[in-house]
Amino acid sequence: MSNVDIKPAGWKLIEVGRVVTLRSGPFEGKLATIVEIIDAGRILIDGPSTKEGAAVPRQAIHTSTVSLTPWVIPNLPKAAGTGAVKKLWEKNEIDKKWAESSWAKKREQFERRKNLTDFERFKVMRLKKQQRFETMKAQAKVRATAKA
């Protein structure tokens, strides 16, 4: 028989130290880390973010209400206190990694667009039309030169 080494997709595992983003509830869109796995459907999270208004208090939450991120805080002890979690959070620069991710940028753009006024939405529509027209004009020029 052949020696095959099968490895699971590691970043999708629920594990102590995994950074998650909350999908629903009063803390929707905020980051937290898994501190303890209570049972198959619930985890204990703590989100000691340094940004104002982004902290999530320590609480038990259902796994169905969180999305896993690719970041893990290494060497986080099981059931670590908020102080220890905060130190490791800052050491691993989780807030900085989140701000640089495309996930956070898309979420920020969604929030910005959600809060637009009617006139601002109209201006965005006009800019999109103008951009589309310029793109189509450039493509037509390329096609014309390719035919000749």
N, C-alpha and C. Protein backbone atom coordinates (compact mmCIF):
# COMPACT_ATOMS: atom_id res chain seq x y z
N MET A 1 0.83 -1.18 0.00
CA MET A 1 0.00 0.00 0.00
C MET A 1 0.87 1.24 0.00
N SER A 2 0.35 2.31 -0.57
CA SER A 2 1.11 3.56 -0.61
C SER A 2 0.93 4.32 0.70
N ASN A 3 1.88 5.14 0.98
CA ASN A 3 1.86 5.94 2.20
C ASN A 3 1.32 7.33 1.85
N VAL A 4 0.03 7.56 2.13
CA VAL A 4 -0.62 8.81 1.80
C VAL A 4 -0.83 9.60 3.08
N ASP A 5 -0.46 10.87 3.04
CA ASP A 5 -0.62 11.74 4.20
C ASP A 5 -1.75 12.72 3.91
N ILE A 6 -2.89 12.55 4.57
CA ILE A 6 -4.04 13.41 4.35
C ILE A 6 -4.12 14.41 5.50
N LYS A 7 -4.20 15.70 5.14
CA LYS A 7 -4.27 16.76 6.14
C LYS A 7 -5.56 17.54 5.93
N PRO A 8 -6.29 17.83 7.00
CA PRO A 8 -7.51 18.63 6.86
C PRO A 8 -7.14 20.10 6.62
N ALA A 9 -8.11 20.85 6.12
CA ALA A 9 -7.90 22.28 5.94
C ALA A 9 -7.83 22.90 7.33
N GLY A 10 -6.65 23.22 7.78
CA GLY A 10 -6.40 23.62 9.16
C GLY A 10 -7.07 24.91 9.60
N TRP A 11 -7.25 25.87 8.71
CA TRP A 11 -7.77 27.14 9.17
C TRP A 11 -9.27 27.11 9.42
N LYS A 12 -9.94 26.05 9.04
CA LYS A 12 -11.38 25.97 9.24
C LYS A 12 -11.76 25.27 10.55
N LEU A 13 -10.80 24.95 11.38
CA LEU A 13 -11.08 24.25 12.62
C LEU A 13 -11.46 25.21 13.74
N ILE A 14 -12.43 24.80 14.53
CA ILE A 14 -12.75 25.54 15.74
C ILE A 14 -11.76 25.09 16.79
N GLU A 15 -10.92 26.02 17.22
CA GLU A 15 -9.87 25.68 18.18
C GLU A 15 -9.65 26.87 19.11
N VAL A 16 -9.06 26.61 20.26
CA VAL A 16 -8.76 27.67 21.21
C VAL A 16 -7.73 28.59 20.57
N GLY A 17 -8.03 29.88 20.56
CA GLY A 17 -7.13 30.86 19.96
C GLY A 17 -7.56 31.32 18.58
N ARG A 18 -8.51 30.63 17.96
CA ARG A 18 -9.00 31.01 16.62
C ARG A 18 -9.75 32.34 16.73
N VAL A 19 -9.45 33.27 15.85
CA VAL A 19 -10.14 34.56 15.82
C VAL A 19 -11.40 34.39 14.98
N VAL A 20 -12.51 34.89 15.49
CA VAL A 20 -13.80 34.77 14.80
C VAL A 20 -14.42 36.16 14.66
N THR A 21 -15.32 36.28 13.72
CA THR A 21 -16.12 37.49 13.59
C THR A 21 -17.58 37.11 13.83
N LEU A 22 -18.29 37.95 14.56
CA LEU A 22 -19.67 37.64 14.93
C LEU A 22 -20.61 38.04 13.81
N ARG A 23 -21.55 37.15 13.48
CA ARG A 23 -22.47 37.39 12.37
C ARG A 23 -23.81 37.96 12.78
N SER A 24 -24.17 37.86 14.04
CA SER A 24 -25.47 38.36 14.45
C SER A 24 -25.43 38.80 15.91
N GLY A 25 -26.46 39.49 16.32
CA GLY A 25 -26.54 39.95 17.70
C GLY A 25 -26.04 41.37 17.85
N PRO A 26 -25.94 41.82 19.08
CA PRO A 26 -25.54 43.22 19.33
C PRO A 26 -24.08 43.52 18.96
N PHE A 27 -23.26 42.49 18.83
CA PHE A 27 -21.85 42.68 18.51
C PHE A 27 -21.53 42.25 17.08
N GLU A 28 -22.50 42.33 16.20
CA GLU A 28 -22.34 41.89 14.81
C GLU A 28 -21.19 42.63 14.13
N GLY A 29 -20.32 41.87 13.45
CA GLY A 29 -19.21 42.45 12.72
C GLY A 29 -17.95 42.66 13.54
N LYS A 30 -18.00 42.37 14.84
CA LYS A 30 -16.84 42.58 15.69
C LYS A 30 -16.03 41.30 15.82
N LEU A 31 -14.76 41.46 16.19
CA LEU A 31 -13.84 40.33 16.32
C LEU A 31 -13.76 39.84 17.76
N ALA A 32 -13.55 38.55 17.89
CA ALA A 32 -13.34 37.92 19.20
C ALA A 32 -12.46 36.70 18.96
N THR A 33 -12.01 36.10 20.04
CA THR A 33 -11.22 34.88 19.92
C THR A 33 -11.86 33.78 20.77
N ILE A 34 -11.69 32.55 20.34
CA ILE A 34 -12.24 31.41 21.08
C ILE A 34 -11.32 31.14 22.26
N VAL A 35 -11.91 31.16 23.46
CA VAL A 35 -11.14 30.93 24.68
C VAL A 35 -11.34 29.51 25.19
N GLU A 36 -12.54 28.97 24.98
CA GLU A 36 -12.86 27.63 25.48
C GLU A 36 -13.95 27.04 24.60
N ILE A 37 -13.89 25.73 24.37
CA ILE A 37 -14.95 25.03 23.65
C ILE A 37 -15.82 24.37 24.71
N ILE A 38 -17.06 24.82 24.81
CA ILE A 38 -17.96 24.33 25.84
C ILE A 38 -18.51 22.96 25.47
N ASP A 39 -19.14 22.87 24.30
CA ASP A 39 -19.62 21.59 23.77
C ASP A 39 -19.68 21.70 22.25
N ALA A 40 -20.35 20.77 21.60
CA ALA A 40 -20.34 20.72 20.13
C ALA A 40 -20.95 21.96 19.48
N GLY A 41 -21.84 22.65 20.17
CA GLY A 41 -22.52 23.78 19.56
C GLY A 41 -22.23 25.13 20.18
N ARG A 42 -21.47 25.17 21.27
CA ARG A 42 -21.22 26.44 21.95
C ARG A 42 -19.74 26.63 22.26
N ILE A 43 -19.31 27.89 22.20
CA ILE A 43 -17.93 28.24 22.54
C ILE A 43 -17.94 29.45 23.45
N LEU A 44 -16.85 29.63 24.19
CA LEU A 44 -16.66 30.80 25.04
C LEU A 44 -15.73 31.73 24.29
N ILE A 45 -16.17 32.98 24.07
CA ILE A 45 -15.35 33.93 23.32
C ILE A 45 -15.00 35.13 24.18
N ASP A 46 -13.96 35.83 23.77
CA ASP A 46 -13.54 37.07 24.41
C ASP A 46 -12.93 37.94 23.34
N GLY A 47 -13.34 39.20 23.25
CA GLY A 47 -12.83 40.09 22.22
C GLY A 47 -12.26 41.37 22.80
N PRO A 48 -11.01 41.31 23.27
CA PRO A 48 -10.43 42.50 23.91
C PRO A 48 -9.79 43.46 22.91
N SER A 49 -10.53 43.90 21.93
CA SER A 49 -9.98 44.78 20.91
C SER A 49 -9.53 46.10 21.52
N THR A 50 -8.47 46.66 20.95
CA THR A 50 -7.95 47.94 21.45
C THR A 50 -8.68 49.12 20.83
N LYS A 51 -9.40 48.89 19.72
CA LYS A 51 -10.15 49.96 19.08
C LYS A 51 -11.39 50.28 19.90
N GLU A 52 -11.73 51.55 19.96
CA GLU A 52 -12.88 51.99 20.76
C GLU A 52 -14.18 51.46 20.15
N GLY A 53 -15.02 50.87 20.97
CA GLY A 53 -16.30 50.36 20.52
C GLY A 53 -16.24 49.02 19.82
N ALA A 54 -15.07 48.41 19.75
CA ALA A 54 -14.94 47.14 19.04
C ALA A 54 -14.76 45.96 19.99
N ALA A 55 -14.73 46.21 21.29
CA ALA A 55 -14.52 45.13 22.26
C ALA A 55 -15.79 44.30 22.41
N VAL A 56 -15.59 43.00 22.60
CA VAL A 56 -16.69 42.06 22.82
C VAL A 56 -16.49 41.44 24.20
N PRO A 57 -17.48 41.54 25.09
CA PRO A 57 -17.31 40.96 26.42
C PRO A 57 -17.25 39.43 26.36
N ARG A 58 -16.63 38.86 27.36
CA ARG A 58 -16.51 37.40 27.46
C ARG A 58 -17.90 36.80 27.60
N GLN A 59 -18.24 35.83 26.74
CA GLN A 59 -19.58 35.24 26.76
C GLN A 59 -19.59 33.91 26.02
N ALA A 60 -20.58 33.10 26.35
CA ALA A 60 -20.81 31.85 25.63
C ALA A 60 -21.70 32.18 24.43
N ILE A 61 -21.37 31.57 23.30
CA ILE A 61 -22.11 31.88 22.07
C ILE A 61 -22.20 30.61 21.22
N HIS A 62 -23.24 30.51 20.41
CA HIS A 62 -23.40 29.36 19.52
C HIS A 62 -22.43 29.45 18.36
N THR A 63 -21.93 28.33 17.93
CA THR A 63 -20.97 28.30 16.82
C THR A 63 -21.61 28.73 15.50
N SER A 64 -22.92 28.63 15.41
CA SER A 64 -23.60 29.00 14.17
C SER A 64 -23.65 30.51 13.98
N THR A 65 -23.33 31.30 15.01
CA THR A 65 -23.40 32.75 14.90
C THR A 65 -22.04 33.40 14.69
N VAL A 66 -21.01 32.59 14.42
CA VAL A 66 -19.68 33.14 14.18
C VAL A 66 -19.14 32.66 12.85
N SER A 67 -18.24 33.45 12.28
CA SER A 67 -17.50 33.05 11.08
C SER A 67 -16.03 32.96 11.46
N LEU A 68 -15.40 31.88 11.06
CA LEU A 68 -13.99 31.68 11.39
C LEU A 68 -13.11 32.50 10.46
N THR A 69 -12.07 33.09 11.01
CA THR A 69 -11.09 33.81 10.21
C THR A 69 -9.83 32.94 10.08
N PRO A 70 -8.92 33.29 9.20
CA PRO A 70 -7.71 32.47 9.05
C PRO A 70 -6.67 32.68 10.15
N TRP A 71 -6.90 33.57 11.10
CA TRP A 71 -5.89 33.87 12.12
C TRP A 71 -6.12 33.10 13.40
N VAL A 72 -5.03 32.67 13.99
CA VAL A 72 -5.05 31.95 15.26
C VAL A 72 -4.05 32.63 16.19
N ILE A 73 -4.43 32.84 17.44
CA ILE A 73 -3.48 33.34 18.44
C ILE A 73 -2.76 32.11 18.98
N PRO A 74 -1.47 31.96 18.66
CA PRO A 74 -0.76 30.76 19.09
C PRO A 74 -0.49 30.76 20.59
N ASN A 75 -0.42 29.58 21.15
CA ASN A 75 -0.08 29.36 22.56
C ASN A 75 -1.06 30.03 23.53
N LEU A 76 -2.31 30.20 23.13
CA LEU A 76 -3.31 30.74 24.05
C LEU A 76 -3.77 29.62 24.96
N PRO A 77 -3.56 29.76 26.29
CA PRO A 77 -3.98 28.69 27.18
C PRO A 77 -5.49 28.56 27.22
N LYS A 78 -5.96 27.35 27.47
CA LYS A 78 -7.40 27.08 27.55
C LYS A 78 -7.98 27.88 28.71
N ALA A 79 -9.12 28.54 28.49
CA ALA A 79 -9.84 29.33 29.49
C ALA A 79 -8.98 30.47 30.04
N ALA A 80 -8.15 31.07 29.20
CA ALA A 80 -7.31 32.19 29.63
C ALA A 80 -8.17 33.38 30.00
N GLY A 81 -7.70 34.16 30.94
CA GLY A 81 -8.42 35.36 31.38
C GLY A 81 -8.34 36.46 30.34
N THR A 82 -9.14 37.49 30.54
CA THR A 82 -9.21 38.59 29.58
C THR A 82 -7.87 39.31 29.46
N GLY A 83 -7.14 39.46 30.56
CA GLY A 83 -5.85 40.14 30.52
C GLY A 83 -4.84 39.40 29.65
N ALA A 84 -4.77 38.09 29.81
CA ALA A 84 -3.84 37.29 29.01
C ALA A 84 -4.23 37.31 27.54
N VAL A 85 -5.52 37.24 27.27
CA VAL A 85 -6.00 37.28 25.89
C VAL A 85 -5.66 38.63 25.26
N LYS A 86 -5.84 39.70 26.03
CA LYS A 86 -5.56 41.05 25.52
C LYS A 86 -4.08 41.22 25.17
N LYS A 87 -3.20 40.70 26.02
CA LYS A 87 -1.76 40.80 25.76
C LYS A 87 -1.38 40.06 24.47
N LEU A 88 -1.89 38.84 24.31
CA LEU A 88 -1.59 38.07 23.10
C LEU A 88 -2.25 38.68 21.87
N TRP A 89 -3.43 39.28 22.04
CA TRP A 89 -4.15 39.95 20.95
C TRP A 89 -3.29 41.10 20.41
N GLU A 90 -2.75 41.90 21.32
CA GLU A 90 -1.92 43.04 20.91
C GLU A 90 -0.58 42.56 20.34
N LYS A 91 -0.01 41.52 20.94
CA LYS A 91 1.27 41.00 20.47
C LYS A 91 1.17 40.48 19.04
N ASN A 92 0.07 39.82 18.71
CA ASN A 92 -0.15 39.26 17.38
C ASN A 92 -0.77 40.25 16.40
N GLU A 93 -1.05 41.48 16.85
CA GLU A 93 -1.59 42.57 16.02
C GLU A 93 -2.84 42.13 15.24
N ILE A 94 -3.79 41.56 15.94
CA ILE A 94 -5.00 41.06 15.29
C ILE A 94 -5.80 42.19 14.65
N ASP A 95 -5.93 43.33 15.35
CA ASP A 95 -6.69 44.45 14.79
C ASP A 95 -6.06 44.95 13.49
N LYS A 96 -4.74 44.98 13.43
CA LYS A 96 -4.03 45.43 12.23
C LYS A 96 -4.25 44.45 11.08
N LYS A 97 -4.15 43.15 11.38
CA LYS A 97 -4.37 42.13 10.34
C LYS A 97 -5.79 42.22 9.80
N TRP A 98 -6.76 42.45 10.69
CA TRP A 98 -8.15 42.56 10.28
C TRP A 98 -8.35 43.78 9.38
N ALA A 99 -7.77 44.91 9.77
CA ALA A 99 -7.94 46.15 9.00
C ALA A 99 -7.35 46.01 7.60
N GLU A 100 -6.30 45.21 7.43
CA GLU A 100 -5.66 45.04 6.13
C GLU A 100 -6.34 43.98 5.27
N SER A 101 -7.24 43.20 5.85
CA SER A 101 -7.87 42.11 5.10
C SER A 101 -8.93 42.63 4.14
N SER A 102 -9.13 41.91 3.04
CA SER A 102 -10.16 42.30 2.08
C SER A 102 -11.56 42.15 2.68
N TRP A 103 -11.70 41.22 3.61
CA TRP A 103 -12.97 41.00 4.30
C TRP A 103 -13.40 42.28 5.03
N ALA A 104 -12.49 42.88 5.76
CA ALA A 104 -12.80 44.11 6.51
C ALA A 104 -13.07 45.27 5.56
N LYS A 105 -12.32 45.34 4.47
CA LYS A 105 -12.51 46.43 3.52
C LYS A 105 -13.88 46.33 2.85
N LYS A 106 -14.30 45.11 2.49
CA LYS A 106 -15.61 44.93 1.88
C LYS A 106 -16.72 45.28 2.87
N ARG A 107 -16.54 44.89 4.12
CA ARG A 107 -17.53 45.18 5.16
C ARG A 107 -17.65 46.70 5.38
N GLU A 108 -16.50 47.38 5.38
CA GLU A 108 -16.50 48.83 5.55
C GLU A 108 -17.20 49.51 4.38
N GLN A 109 -16.94 49.03 3.16
CA GLN A 109 -17.59 49.59 1.98
C GLN A 109 -19.10 49.36 2.05
N PHE A 110 -19.51 48.18 2.49
CA PHE A 110 -20.94 47.87 2.63
C PHE A 110 -21.60 48.83 3.62
N GLU A 111 -20.95 49.05 4.76
CA GLU A 111 -21.50 49.96 5.77
C GLU A 111 -21.58 51.39 5.24
N ARG A 112 -20.54 51.80 4.52
CA ARG A 112 -20.53 53.15 3.95
C ARG A 112 -21.69 53.32 2.97
N ARG A 113 -21.88 52.34 2.10
CA ARG A 113 -22.95 52.43 1.10
C ARG A 113 -24.33 52.33 1.74
N LYS A 114 -24.43 51.58 2.82
CA LYS A 114 -25.71 51.44 3.51
C LYS A 114 -26.17 52.77 4.09
N ASN A 115 -25.23 53.63 4.43
CA ASN A 115 -25.56 54.91 5.07
C ASN A 115 -25.61 56.08 4.09
N LEU A 116 -25.58 55.81 2.78
CA LEU A 116 -25.62 56.89 1.80
C LEU A 116 -27.01 57.51 1.72
N THR A 117 -27.03 58.79 1.36
CA THR A 117 -28.31 59.45 1.11
C THR A 117 -28.74 59.13 -0.32
N ASP A 118 -29.93 59.56 -0.68
CA ASP A 118 -30.46 59.30 -2.01
C ASP A 118 -29.59 59.96 -3.08
N PHE A 119 -29.19 61.20 -2.84
CA PHE A 119 -28.37 61.91 -3.82
C PHE A 119 -26.98 61.28 -3.95
N GLU A 120 -26.41 60.81 -2.85
CA GLU A 120 -25.10 60.15 -2.89
C GLU A 120 -25.19 58.84 -3.67
N ARG A 121 -26.29 58.09 -3.52
CA ARG A 121 -26.49 56.87 -4.30
C ARG A 121 -26.58 57.20 -5.79
N PHE A 122 -27.25 58.30 -6.10
CA PHE A 122 -27.35 58.75 -7.50
C PHE A 122 -25.97 59.06 -8.06
N LYS A 123 -25.12 59.75 -7.30
CA LYS A 123 -23.78 60.08 -7.76
C LYS A 123 -22.95 58.82 -7.99
N VAL A 124 -23.09 57.83 -7.11
CA VAL A 124 -22.37 56.56 -7.28
C VAL A 124 -22.82 55.88 -8.57
N MET A 125 -24.13 55.89 -8.84
CA MET A 125 -24.66 55.29 -10.06
C MET A 125 -24.08 55.97 -11.30
N ARG A 126 -24.03 57.30 -11.29
CA ARG A 126 -23.49 58.03 -12.43
C ARG A 126 -22.01 57.74 -12.64
N LEU A 127 -21.24 57.63 -11.56
CA LEU A 127 -19.82 57.32 -11.67
C LEU A 127 -19.61 55.91 -12.22
N LYS A 128 -20.45 54.96 -11.79
CA LYS A 128 -20.35 53.59 -12.31
C LYS A 128 -20.65 53.56 -13.81
N LYS A 129 -21.67 54.32 -14.25
CA LYS A 129 -22.01 54.39 -15.67
C LYS A 129 -20.85 54.98 -16.47
N GLN A 130 -20.25 56.03 -15.93
CA GLN A 130 -19.13 56.68 -16.61
C GLN A 130 -17.94 55.72 -16.72
N GLN A 131 -17.66 54.99 -15.67
CA GLN A 131 -16.56 54.03 -15.68
C GLN A 131 -16.83 52.91 -16.69
N ARG A 132 -18.06 52.42 -16.71
CA ARG A 132 -18.44 51.36 -17.64
C ARG A 132 -18.29 51.85 -19.09
N PHE A 133 -18.69 53.09 -19.36
CA PHE A 133 -18.58 53.66 -20.71
C PHE A 133 -17.12 53.74 -21.14
N GLU A 134 -16.25 54.20 -20.25
CA GLU A 134 -14.82 54.31 -20.58
C GLU A 134 -14.20 52.94 -20.84
N THR A 135 -14.60 51.95 -20.05
CA THR A 135 -14.09 50.59 -20.24
C THR A 135 -14.52 50.03 -21.58
N MET A 136 -15.80 50.19 -21.91
CA MET A 136 -16.31 49.68 -23.18
C MET A 136 -15.64 50.38 -24.36
N LYS A 137 -15.38 51.68 -24.23
CA LYS A 137 -14.72 52.44 -25.29
C LYS A 137 -13.30 51.92 -25.51
N ALA A 138 -12.58 51.64 -24.40
CA ALA A 138 -11.22 51.12 -24.51
C ALA A 138 -11.22 49.73 -25.13
N GLN A 139 -12.18 48.89 -24.76
CA GLN A 139 -12.26 47.54 -25.34
C GLN A 139 -12.58 47.60 -26.82
N ALA A 140 -13.46 48.51 -27.22
CA ALA A 140 -13.79 48.66 -28.64
C ALA A 140 -12.57 49.10 -29.44
N LYS A 141 -11.77 49.96 -28.86
CA LYS A 141 -10.55 50.43 -29.53
C LYS A 141 -9.56 49.28 -29.72
N VAL A 142 -9.44 48.42 -28.72
CA VAL A 142 -8.55 47.27 -28.79
C VAL A 142 -9.06 46.28 -29.86
N ARG A 143 -10.37 46.06 -29.89
CA ARG A 143 -10.93 45.17 -30.90
C ARG A 143 -10.72 45.71 -32.32
N ALA A 144 -10.84 47.03 -32.48
CA ALA A 144 -10.67 47.65 -33.79
C ALA A 144 -9.24 47.50 -34.28
N THR A 145 -8.28 47.66 -33.37
CA THR A 145 -6.87 47.53 -33.77
C THR A 145 -6.52 46.07 -34.03
N ALA A 146 -7.19 45.14 -33.38
CA ALA A 146 -6.92 43.71 -33.58
C ALA A 146 -7.45 43.26 -34.95
N LYS A 147 -8.56 43.83 -35.42
CA LYS A 147 -9.13 43.49 -36.73
C LYS A 147 -8.24 43.97 -37.85
N ALA A 148 -7.68 45.15 -37.66
CA ALA A 148 -6.88 45.76 -38.75
C ALA A 148 -5.54 45.12 -38.95
